[in-house]
Every structure is written in structure tokens, then in C-alpha cells.
Amino acid sequence: MSRNKDDWINQRAYSIWEEEGRPHDRGGAHWQQAAAEYEQLERTRASADGNELIEMLRRTGRLMRAAENDALRVVRPEQKPARKAIRRA
């Protein structure tokens, strides 16, 4: 176990302990919860260059190219593009 991992788990376990009102005899449970959270974060971490995240966004339809400058932007599914009002004569 690396030192950074131990430090992260220690700090998270301490935070959980404080959030629960500093109960006695729950250190093991807090450590296990913090360790599980750390493992979950490690499993969901994107690659250093972000290619995995970009590919996932493309697959889910949340990544689009802007027409003006061809830059990438993320669009949340709940966001809908504004519609222009059409005036009829």
C-alpha cells in the first residue's frame, strides 16, 4: 500500500468518524468504508490524457463538437438547446 493511499484512507476515515459524531469503537468500520471509497475512486479514474472519458462521453452522446470553433464541449442530457422563435408573417 502506498503512502498516499494510506494517507487518503486515514483522512477519509477521520472525516467519516467526525460526520458520525465521533462515536467510540467504530474505527474499523470507518477504515473499511474509506478503503472501499478509495478503491471505487481508483476503478473509475480516467486515463491521464482523458481518452477514456472522452470515449465514454461520445458513446453516451454527451460530447459534441461546437460548429464555430470545432472545440469539444460536454452537454448534459437534461440540457436542451434553446430554440429560436420563428416568426410567421
Protein backbone atom coordinates (compact mmCIF):
# COMPACT_ATOMS: atom_id res chain seq x y z
CA MET A 1 0.00 0.00 0.00
CA SER A 2 1.47 3.32 -0.99
CA ARG A 3 1.84 6.15 1.48
CA ASN A 4 -0.56 8.38 -0.47
CA LYS A 5 -3.23 5.70 -0.35
CA ASP A 6 -2.77 5.22 3.41
CA ASP A 7 -2.90 8.97 3.98
CA TRP A 8 -6.06 9.35 1.89
CA ILE A 9 -7.80 6.48 3.70
CA ASN A 10 -6.73 7.81 7.12
CA GLN A 11 -8.04 11.28 6.35
CA ARG A 12 -11.31 9.95 4.90
CA ALA A 13 -11.87 7.59 7.85
CA TYR A 14 -11.31 10.50 10.21
CA SER A 15 -13.84 12.60 8.27
CA ILE A 16 -16.41 9.80 8.43
CA TRP A 17 -15.80 9.49 12.19
CA GLU A 18 -16.39 13.23 12.63
CA GLU A 19 -19.51 13.19 10.43
CA GLU A 20 -20.98 10.43 12.61
CA GLY A 21 -20.44 12.45 15.79
CA ARG A 22 -17.14 10.84 16.86
CA PRO A 23 -18.57 7.54 18.11
CA HIS A 24 -16.42 5.08 20.08
CA ASP A 25 -15.41 1.65 18.73
CA ARG A 26 -16.22 2.38 15.07
CA GLY A 27 -12.69 2.91 13.78
CA GLY A 28 -12.60 -0.39 11.90
CA ALA A 29 -15.88 0.30 10.13
CA HIS A 30 -14.75 3.81 9.19
CA TRP A 31 -11.45 2.47 7.85
CA GLN A 32 -13.26 -0.17 5.78
CA GLN A 33 -15.66 2.40 4.35
CA ALA A 34 -12.81 4.76 3.48
CA ALA A 35 -10.82 1.93 1.87
CA ALA A 36 -13.87 0.90 -0.19
CA GLU A 37 -14.36 4.51 -1.32
CA TYR A 38 -10.68 4.72 -2.32
CA GLU A 39 -10.94 1.52 -4.37
CA GLN A 40 -14.07 2.84 -6.09
CA LEU A 41 -12.25 6.05 -6.99
CA GLU A 42 -9.33 4.06 -8.38
CA ARG A 43 -11.62 1.91 -10.55
CA THR A 44 -13.37 4.94 -12.02
CA ARG A 45 -10.29 7.08 -12.62
CA ALA A 46 -9.82 8.17 -16.22
CA SER A 47 -6.53 7.89 -18.05
CA ALA A 48 -4.01 10.70 -17.69
CA ASP A 49 -4.89 12.15 -21.09
CA GLY A 50 -8.64 11.73 -20.61
CA ASN A 51 -9.15 9.49 -23.66
CA GLU A 52 -11.29 7.00 -21.70
CA LEU A 53 -13.59 9.78 -20.50
CA ILE A 54 -13.87 11.32 -23.97
CA GLU A 55 -14.75 7.94 -25.48
CA MET A 56 -17.38 7.30 -22.79
CA LEU A 57 -18.93 10.73 -23.42
CA ARG A 58 -19.03 10.05 -27.15
CA ARG A 59 -20.73 6.69 -26.62
CA THR A 60 -23.39 8.23 -24.39
CA GLY A 61 -23.99 11.15 -26.76
CA ARG A 62 -22.83 13.77 -24.27
CA LEU A 63 -19.86 15.01 -26.29
CA MET A 64 -20.45 17.33 -29.22
CA ARG A 65 -18.35 19.49 -31.49
CA ALA A 66 -19.14 23.18 -31.49
CA ALA A 67 -19.72 24.41 -35.03
CA GLU A 68 -17.93 27.76 -34.69
CA ASN A 69 -14.51 26.66 -33.46
CA ASP A 70 -14.62 22.84 -33.63
CA ALA A 71 -13.86 22.72 -29.88
CA LEU A 72 -15.10 19.88 -27.69
CA ARG A 73 -17.72 20.59 -25.07
CA VAL A 74 -19.74 18.45 -22.68
CA VAL A 75 -23.51 18.64 -22.85
CA ARG A 76 -25.61 17.20 -20.05
CA PRO A 77 -28.65 15.21 -21.22
CA GLU A 78 -31.03 17.40 -19.20
CA GLN A 79 -29.81 20.48 -21.09
CA LYS A 80 -31.71 21.17 -24.25
CA PRO A 81 -30.56 23.63 -26.87
CA ALA A 82 -32.51 26.86 -26.93
CA ARG A 83 -34.96 27.04 -29.77
CA LYS A 84 -35.17 30.14 -31.85
CA ALA A 85 -38.58 31.66 -32.12
CA ILE A 86 -39.91 31.52 -35.65
CA ARG A 87 -41.98 34.48 -36.71
CA ARG A 88 -44.63 33.82 -39.26
CA ALA A 89 -46.00 36.62 -41.30
